[in-house]
Amino acid sequence: MKANVGGIDRVLRIVVGLALIGWGIYAKNWWGAIGAIPLFTGLIGWCPLYLPFGLSTKKQG
């Protein structure tokens, strides 16, 4: 599992994930649980959806 999520992408995923979870708690709506996906991928630095497309936002070097 090679990291393929870098810098700004990680920060955005974490912020969006936390915002969605917060919205779900505020609205008492289970749809906020979907925020766990971007939060998790941001924290571990790996996105499985990038693999089939050969994408990476992590700087190589």
PDB file of N, CA and C in Angstrom:
ATOM      1  N   MET A   1       0.853  -1.167   0.000  1.00  0.00           N
ATOM      2  CA  MET A   1       0.000   0.000   0.000  1.00  0.00           C
ATOM      3  C   MET A   1       0.904   1.237   0.000  1.00  0.00           C
ATOM      4  N   LYS A   2       1.175   1.749  -1.157  1.00  0.00           N
ATOM      5  CA  LYS A   2       2.036   2.913  -1.318  1.00  0.00           C
ATOM      6  C   LYS A   2       1.196   4.189  -1.225  1.00  0.00           C
ATOM      7  N   ALA A   3       1.678   5.157  -0.442  1.00  0.00           N
ATOM      8  CA  ALA A   3       0.950   6.419  -0.269  1.00  0.00           C
ATOM      9  C   ALA A   3       0.758   7.111  -1.617  1.00  0.00           C
ATOM     10  N   ASN A   4      -0.466   7.569  -1.873  1.00  0.00           N
ATOM     11  CA  ASN A   4      -0.748   8.269  -3.123  1.00  0.00           C
ATOM     12  C   ASN A   4      -1.550   9.550  -2.896  1.00  0.00           C
ATOM     13  N   VAL A   5      -1.687   9.963  -1.638  1.00  0.00           N
ATOM     14  CA  VAL A   5      -2.400  11.193  -1.303  1.00  0.00           C
ATOM     15  C   VAL A   5      -1.405  12.110  -0.605  1.00  0.00           C
ATOM     16  N   GLY A   6      -1.194  13.275  -1.165  1.00  0.00           N
ATOM     17  CA  GLY A   6      -0.204  14.171  -0.597  1.00  0.00           C
ATOM     18  C   GLY A   6      -0.763  15.490  -0.122  1.00  0.00           C
ATOM     19  N   GLY A   7       0.054  16.229   0.582  1.00  0.00           N
ATOM     20  CA  GLY A   7      -0.135  17.563   1.098  1.00  0.00           C
ATOM     21  C   GLY A   7      -1.524  18.149   1.193  1.00  0.00           C
ATOM     22  N   ILE A   8      -1.843  19.011   0.247  1.00  0.00           N
ATOM     23  CA  ILE A   8      -3.109  19.739   0.261  1.00  0.00           C
ATOM     24  C   ILE A   8      -4.285  18.769   0.152  1.00  0.00           C
ATOM     25  N   ASP A   9      -4.145  17.734  -0.633  1.00  0.00           N
ATOM     26  CA  ASP A   9      -5.199  16.730  -0.792  1.00  0.00           C
ATOM     27  C   ASP A   9      -5.530  16.092   0.560  1.00  0.00           C
ATOM     28  N   ARG A  10      -4.503  15.751   1.344  1.00  0.00           N
ATOM     29  CA  ARG A  10      -4.723  15.152   2.666  1.00  0.00           C
ATOM     30  C   ARG A  10      -5.468  16.111   3.583  1.00  0.00           C
ATOM     31  N   VAL A  11      -5.024  17.362   3.617  1.00  0.00           N
ATOM     32  CA  VAL A  11      -5.651  18.357   4.490  1.00  0.00           C
ATOM     33  C   VAL A  11      -7.114  18.551   4.106  1.00  0.00           C
ATOM     34  N   LEU A  12      -7.381  18.673   2.824  1.00  0.00           N
ATOM     35  CA  LEU A  12      -8.765  18.855   2.360  1.00  0.00           C
ATOM     36  C   LEU A  12      -9.642  17.652   2.720  1.00  0.00           C
ATOM     37  N   ARG A  13      -9.107  16.459   2.554  1.00  0.00           N
ATOM     38  CA  ARG A  13      -9.873  15.257   2.890  1.00  0.00           C
ATOM     39  C   ARG A  13     -10.212  15.221   4.376  1.00  0.00           C
ATOM     40  N   ILE A  14      -9.252  15.565   5.214  1.00  0.00           N
ATOM     41  CA  ILE A  14      -9.478  15.560   6.659  1.00  0.00           C
ATOM     42  C   ILE A  14     -10.519  16.608   7.040  1.00  0.00           C
ATOM     43  N   VAL A  15     -10.381  17.808   6.485  1.00  0.00           N
ATOM     44  CA  VAL A  15     -11.323  18.888   6.802  1.00  0.00           C
ATOM     45  C   VAL A  15     -12.735  18.529   6.322  1.00  0.00           C
ATOM     46  N   VAL A  16     -12.853  18.032   5.105  1.00  0.00           N
ATOM     47  CA  VAL A  16     -14.169  17.660   4.560  1.00  0.00           C
ATOM     48  C   VAL A  16     -14.767  16.507   5.361  1.00  0.00           C
ATOM     49  N   GLY A  17     -13.944  15.537   5.702  1.00  0.00           N
ATOM     50  CA  GLY A  17     -14.425  14.409   6.492  1.00  0.00           C
ATOM     51  C   GLY A  17     -14.966  14.844   7.839  1.00  0.00           C
ATOM     52  N   LEU A  18     -14.217  15.703   8.533  1.00  0.00           N
ATOM     53  CA  LEU A  18     -14.667  16.199   9.833  1.00  0.00           C
ATOM     54  C   LEU A  18     -15.919  17.058   9.697  1.00  0.00           C
ATOM     55  N   ALA A  19     -15.983  17.860   8.637  1.00  0.00           N
ATOM     56  CA  ALA A  19     -17.157  18.704   8.413  1.00  0.00           C
ATOM     57  C   ALA A  19     -18.401  17.842   8.169  1.00  0.00           C
ATOM     58  N   LEU A  20     -18.274  16.798   7.369  1.00  0.00           N
ATOM     59  CA  LEU A  20     -19.412  15.917   7.096  1.00  0.00           C
ATOM     60  C   LEU A  20     -19.868  15.183   8.361  1.00  0.00           C
ATOM     61  N   ILE A  21     -18.918  14.720   9.139  1.00  0.00           N
ATOM     62  CA  ILE A  21     -19.265  14.044  10.386  1.00  0.00           C
ATOM     63  C   ILE A  21     -19.945  15.025  11.337  1.00  0.00           C
ATOM     64  N   GLY A  22     -19.398  16.232  11.437  1.00  0.00           N
ATOM     65  CA  GLY A  22     -19.994  17.263  12.281  1.00  0.00           C
ATOM     66  C   GLY A  22     -21.397  17.616  11.838  1.00  0.00           C
ATOM     67  N   TRP A  23     -21.591  17.739  10.525  1.00  0.00           N
ATOM     68  CA  TRP A  23     -22.926  18.030   9.994  1.00  0.00           C
ATOM     69  C   TRP A  23     -23.891  16.895  10.335  1.00  0.00           C
ATOM     70  N   GLY A  24     -23.428  15.664  10.200  1.00  0.00           N
ATOM     71  CA  GLY A  24     -24.281  14.522  10.506  1.00  0.00           C
ATOM     72  C   GLY A  24     -24.699  14.501  11.968  1.00  0.00           C
ATOM     73  N   ILE A  25     -23.787  14.850  12.844  1.00  0.00           N
ATOM     74  CA  ILE A  25     -24.115  14.902  14.273  1.00  0.00           C
ATOM     75  C   ILE A  25     -25.085  16.040  14.541  1.00  0.00           C
ATOM     76  N   TYR A  26     -24.821  17.191  13.960  1.00  0.00           N
ATOM     77  CA  TYR A  26     -25.683  18.364  14.154  1.00  0.00           C
ATOM     78  C   TYR A  26     -27.100  18.106  13.630  1.00  0.00           C
ATOM     79  N   ALA A  27     -27.175  17.526  12.439  1.00  0.00           N
ATOM     80  CA  ALA A  27     -28.469  17.287  11.794  1.00  0.00           C
ATOM     81  C   ALA A  27     -29.132  15.998  12.272  1.00  0.00           C
ATOM     82  N   LYS A  28     -28.421  15.244  13.111  1.00  0.00           N
ATOM     83  CA  LYS A  28     -28.913  13.935  13.576  1.00  0.00           C
ATOM     84  C   LYS A  28     -29.281  13.067  12.379  1.00  0.00           C
ATOM     85  N   ASN A  29     -28.331  13.004  11.441  1.00  0.00           N
ATOM     86  CA  ASN A  29     -28.534  12.323  10.177  1.00  0.00           C
ATOM     87  C   ASN A  29     -27.392  11.332   9.970  1.00  0.00           C
ATOM     88  N   TRP A  30     -27.706  10.107   9.607  1.00  0.00           N
ATOM     89  CA  TRP A  30     -26.678   9.084   9.403  1.00  0.00           C
ATOM     90  C   TRP A  30     -25.833   9.329   8.156  1.00  0.00           C
ATOM     91  N   TRP A  31     -26.279  10.182   7.260  1.00  0.00           N
ATOM     92  CA  TRP A  31     -25.494  10.468   6.057  1.00  0.00           C
ATOM     93  C   TRP A  31     -24.155  11.119   6.406  1.00  0.00           C
ATOM     94  N   GLY A  32     -24.062  11.716   7.569  1.00  0.00           N
ATOM     95  CA  GLY A  32     -22.793  12.311   7.998  1.00  0.00           C
ATOM     96  C   GLY A  32     -21.707  11.272   8.180  1.00  0.00           C
ATOM     97  N   ALA A  33     -22.090  10.014   8.370  1.00  0.00           N
ATOM     98  CA  ALA A  33     -21.111   8.938   8.542  1.00  0.00           C
ATOM     99  C   ALA A  33     -20.257   8.746   7.294  1.00  0.00           C
ATOM    100  N   ILE A  34     -20.741   9.211   6.144  1.00  0.00           N
ATOM    101  CA  ILE A  34     -19.953   9.102   4.917  1.00  0.00           C
ATOM    102  C   ILE A  34     -18.663   9.915   5.016  1.00  0.00           C
ATOM    103  N   GLY A  35     -18.617  10.859   5.947  1.00  0.00           N
ATOM    104  CA  GLY A  35     -17.411  11.651   6.181  1.00  0.00           C
ATOM    105  C   GLY A  35     -16.249  10.824   6.677  1.00  0.00           C
ATOM    106  N   ALA A  36     -16.519   9.612   7.152  1.00  0.00           N
ATOM    107  CA  ALA A  36     -15.448   8.734   7.619  1.00  0.00           C
ATOM    108  C   ALA A  36     -14.528   8.318   6.468  1.00  0.00           C
ATOM    109  N   ILE A  37     -15.063   8.276   5.257  1.00  0.00           N
ATOM    110  CA  ILE A  37     -14.259   7.845   4.103  1.00  0.00           C
ATOM    111  C   ILE A  37     -13.160   8.854   3.783  1.00  0.00           C
ATOM    112  N   PRO A  38     -13.486  10.132   3.527  1.00  0.00           N
ATOM    113  CA  PRO A  38     -12.389  11.064   3.253  1.00  0.00           C
ATOM    114  C   PRO A  38     -11.484  11.271   4.473  1.00  0.00           C
ATOM    115  N   LEU A  39     -12.046  11.207   5.673  1.00  0.00           N
ATOM    116  CA  LEU A  39     -11.230  11.353   6.878  1.00  0.00           C
ATOM    117  C   LEU A  39     -10.213  10.221   6.959  1.00  0.00           C
ATOM    118  N   PHE A  40     -10.653   8.999   6.770  1.00  0.00           N
ATOM    119  CA  PHE A  40      -9.762   7.842   6.845  1.00  0.00           C
ATOM    120  C   PHE A  40      -8.690   7.882   5.761  1.00  0.00           C
ATOM    121  N   THR A  41      -9.082   8.167   4.516  1.00  0.00           N
ATOM    122  CA  THR A  41      -8.097   8.201   3.427  1.00  0.00           C
ATOM    123  C   THR A  41      -7.106   9.345   3.624  1.00  0.00           C
ATOM    124  N   GLY A  42      -7.561  10.453   4.193  1.00  0.00           N
ATOM    125  CA  GLY A  42      -6.656  11.554   4.482  1.00  0.00           C
ATOM    126  C   GLY A  42      -5.665  11.212   5.581  1.00  0.00           C
ATOM    127  N   LEU A  43      -6.136  10.507   6.596  1.00  0.00           N
ATOM    128  CA  LEU A  43      -5.259  10.146   7.709  1.00  0.00           C
ATOM    129  C   LEU A  43      -4.209   9.117   7.323  1.00  0.00           C
ATOM    130  N   ILE A  44      -4.581   8.141   6.495  1.00  0.00           N
ATOM    131  CA  ILE A  44      -3.610   7.113   6.124  1.00  0.00           C
ATOM    132  C   ILE A  44      -2.799   7.488   4.884  1.00  0.00           C
ATOM    133  N   GLY A  45      -3.270   8.486   4.129  1.00  0.00           N
ATOM    134  CA  GLY A  45      -2.514   8.942   2.957  1.00  0.00           C
ATOM    135  C   GLY A  45      -2.609   8.029   1.754  1.00  0.00           C
ATOM    136  N   TRP A  46      -3.657   7.242   1.678  1.00  0.00           N
ATOM    137  CA  TRP A  46      -3.828   6.313   0.569  1.00  0.00           C
ATOM    138  C   TRP A  46      -5.279   6.265   0.145  1.00  0.00           C
ATOM    139  N   CYS A  47      -5.522   6.387  -1.151  1.00  0.00           N
ATOM    140  CA  CYS A  47      -6.884   6.355  -1.687  1.00  0.00           C
ATOM    141  C   CYS A  47      -7.006   5.208  -2.689  1.00  0.00           C
ATOM    142  N   PRO A  48      -7.883   4.235  -2.416  1.00  0.00           N
ATOM    143  CA  PRO A  48      -8.025   3.106  -3.334  1.00  0.00           C
ATOM    144  C   PRO A  48      -8.605   3.489  -4.690  1.00  0.00           C
ATOM    145  N   LEU A  49      -9.352   4.591  -4.775  1.00  0.00           N
ATOM    146  CA  LEU A  49      -9.929   5.003  -6.058  1.00  0.00           C
ATOM    147  C   LEU A  49      -8.876   5.594  -7.000  1.00  0.00           C
ATOM    148  N   TYR A  50      -7.739   5.990  -6.478  1.00  0.00           N
ATOM    149  CA  TYR A  50      -6.670   6.509  -7.331  1.00  0.00           C
ATOM    150  C   TYR A  50      -5.950   5.390  -8.090  1.00  0.00           C
ATOM    151  N   LEU A  51      -5.961   4.179  -7.553  1.00  0.00           N
ATOM    152  CA  LEU A  51      -5.202   3.072  -8.149  1.00  0.00           C
ATOM    153  C   LEU A  51      -5.589   2.740  -9.585  1.00  0.00           C
ATOM    154  N   PRO A  52      -6.865   2.515  -9.903  1.00  0.00           N
ATOM    155  CA  PRO A  52      -7.198   2.134 -11.280  1.00  0.00           C
ATOM    156  C   PRO A  52      -6.848   3.203 -12.317  1.00  0.00           C
ATOM    157  N   PHE A  53      -6.793   4.448 -11.864  1.00  0.00           N
ATOM    158  CA  PHE A  53      -6.502   5.549 -12.782  1.00  0.00           C
ATOM    159  C   PHE A  53      -5.033   5.944 -12.777  1.00  0.00           C
ATOM    160  N   GLY A  54      -4.242   5.334 -11.908  1.00  0.00           N
ATOM    161  CA  GLY A  54      -2.822   5.641 -11.827  1.00  0.00           C
ATOM    162  C   GLY A  54      -2.544   7.051 -11.321  1.00  0.00           C
ATOM    163  N   LEU A  55      -3.453   7.596 -10.516  1.00  0.00           N
ATOM    164  CA  LEU A  55      -3.300   8.956 -10.012  1.00  0.00           C
ATOM    165  C   LEU A  55      -2.529   8.987  -8.710  1.00  0.00           C
ATOM    166  N   SER A  56      -1.875  10.101  -8.451  1.00  0.00           N
ATOM    167  CA  SER A  56      -1.187  10.324  -7.192  1.00  0.00           C
ATOM    168  C   SER A  56      -1.003  11.831  -7.015  1.00  0.00           C
ATOM    169  N   THR A  57      -1.316  12.324  -5.829  1.00  0.00           N
ATOM    170  CA  THR A  57      -1.082  13.734  -5.533  1.00  0.00           C
ATOM    171  C   THR A  57       0.122  13.905  -4.622  1.00  0.00           C
ATOM    172  N   LYS A  58       0.772  12.811  -4.315  1.00  0.00           N
ATOM    173  CA  LYS A  58       1.963  12.844  -3.469  1.00  0.00           C
ATOM    174  C   LYS A  58       3.180  13.137  -4.333  1.00  0.00           C
ATOM    175  N   LYS A  59       3.995  14.072  -3.854  1.00  0.00           N
ATOM    176  CA  LYS A  59       5.224  14.409  -4.590  1.00  0.00           C
ATOM    177  C   LYS A  59       6.191  13.240  -4.535  1.00  0.00           C
ATOM    178  N   GLN A  60       6.736  12.916  -5.675  1.00  0.00           N
ATOM    179  CA  GLN A  60       7.717  11.844  -5.765  1.00  0.00           C
ATOM    180  C   GLN A  60       9.117  12.421  -5.591  1.00  0.00           C
ATOM    181  N   GLY A  61       9.924  11.725  -4.824  1.00  0.00           N
ATOM    182  CA  GLY A  61      11.282  12.228  -4.699  1.00  0.00           C
ATOM    183  C   GLY A  61      11.967  11.927  -3.429  1.00  0.00           C
TER     184      GLY A  61
END
